[in-house]
Amino acid sequence: MEKSENTPKIKCPSPTDEAVLKSVYLALREATKKWSMPIQNWGIILNQFLTMFEKRVQL
């Protein structure tokens, strides 16, 4: 994944979990703007996520 100029920089030495989550969210949001092809095998991947993180993933 290419580094985006709009990706927020975390400047504190030990960011909070919320700050890290926000940074990842914003980076993914920028990256998805450039996605032009569907993810291969998404059904298999989604099933694996649902199995591993069944309490955390809600569809």
Protein backbone atom coordinates (compact mmCIF):
# COMPACT_ATOMS: atom_id res chain seq x y z
CA MET A 1 0.00 0.00 0.00
CA GLU A 2 1.35 3.39 -0.93
CA LYS A 3 1.81 5.97 1.77
CA SER A 4 -0.71 8.76 1.41
CA GLU A 5 0.19 12.36 2.09
CA ASN A 6 -3.14 12.69 3.90
CA THR A 7 -2.36 9.92 6.38
CA PRO A 8 -2.25 11.46 9.85
CA LYS A 9 1.09 11.36 11.61
CA ILE A 10 1.11 10.07 15.18
CA LYS A 11 3.51 12.33 17.07
CA CYS A 12 3.22 11.13 20.66
CA PRO A 13 5.57 8.30 21.72
CA SER A 14 2.79 6.02 22.98
CA PRO A 15 -0.52 6.78 21.28
CA THR A 16 -3.77 5.61 22.79
CA ASP A 17 -5.67 2.68 21.28
CA GLU A 18 -8.28 5.12 20.05
CA ALA A 19 -5.65 7.25 18.28
CA VAL A 20 -4.17 4.21 16.56
CA LEU A 21 -7.62 3.00 15.50
CA LYS A 22 -8.46 6.43 14.10
CA SER A 23 -5.18 6.56 12.15
CA VAL A 24 -5.78 3.12 10.65
CA TYR A 25 -9.37 4.05 9.77
CA LEU A 26 -8.31 7.26 8.03
CA ALA A 27 -5.51 5.51 6.13
CA LEU A 28 -7.89 2.79 4.94
CA ARG A 29 -10.47 5.36 3.93
CA GLU A 30 -7.88 7.10 1.74
CA ALA A 31 -6.67 3.79 0.29
CA THR A 32 -10.17 2.65 -0.64
CA LYS A 33 -10.62 5.69 -2.85
CA LYS A 34 -8.02 4.17 -5.20
CA TRP A 35 -9.39 0.61 -5.24
CA SER A 36 -10.71 -0.25 -8.67
CA MET A 37 -10.94 -4.04 -8.60
CA PRO A 38 -12.91 -6.31 -6.28
CA ILE A 39 -10.97 -8.29 -3.68
CA GLN A 40 -10.27 -11.83 -4.89
CA ASN A 41 -11.81 -14.61 -2.78
CA TRP A 42 -13.65 -12.10 -0.58
CA GLY A 43 -16.27 -14.69 0.42
CA ILE A 44 -13.59 -17.02 1.79
CA ILE A 45 -11.84 -14.16 3.58
CA LEU A 46 -15.09 -12.91 5.10
CA ASN A 47 -15.94 -16.40 6.38
CA GLN A 48 -12.51 -16.64 8.02
CA PHE A 49 -13.00 -13.26 9.70
CA LEU A 50 -16.43 -14.29 10.92
CA THR A 51 -14.98 -17.51 12.35
CA MET A 52 -11.99 -15.87 14.05
CA PHE A 53 -13.78 -12.73 15.26
CA GLU A 54 -17.38 -13.89 15.62
CA LYS A 55 -18.01 -11.71 18.68
CA ARG A 56 -16.52 -8.59 17.08
CA VAL A 57 -17.79 -8.71 13.49
CA GLN A 58 -21.39 -7.74 12.91
CA LEU A 59 -22.98 -7.78 9.45
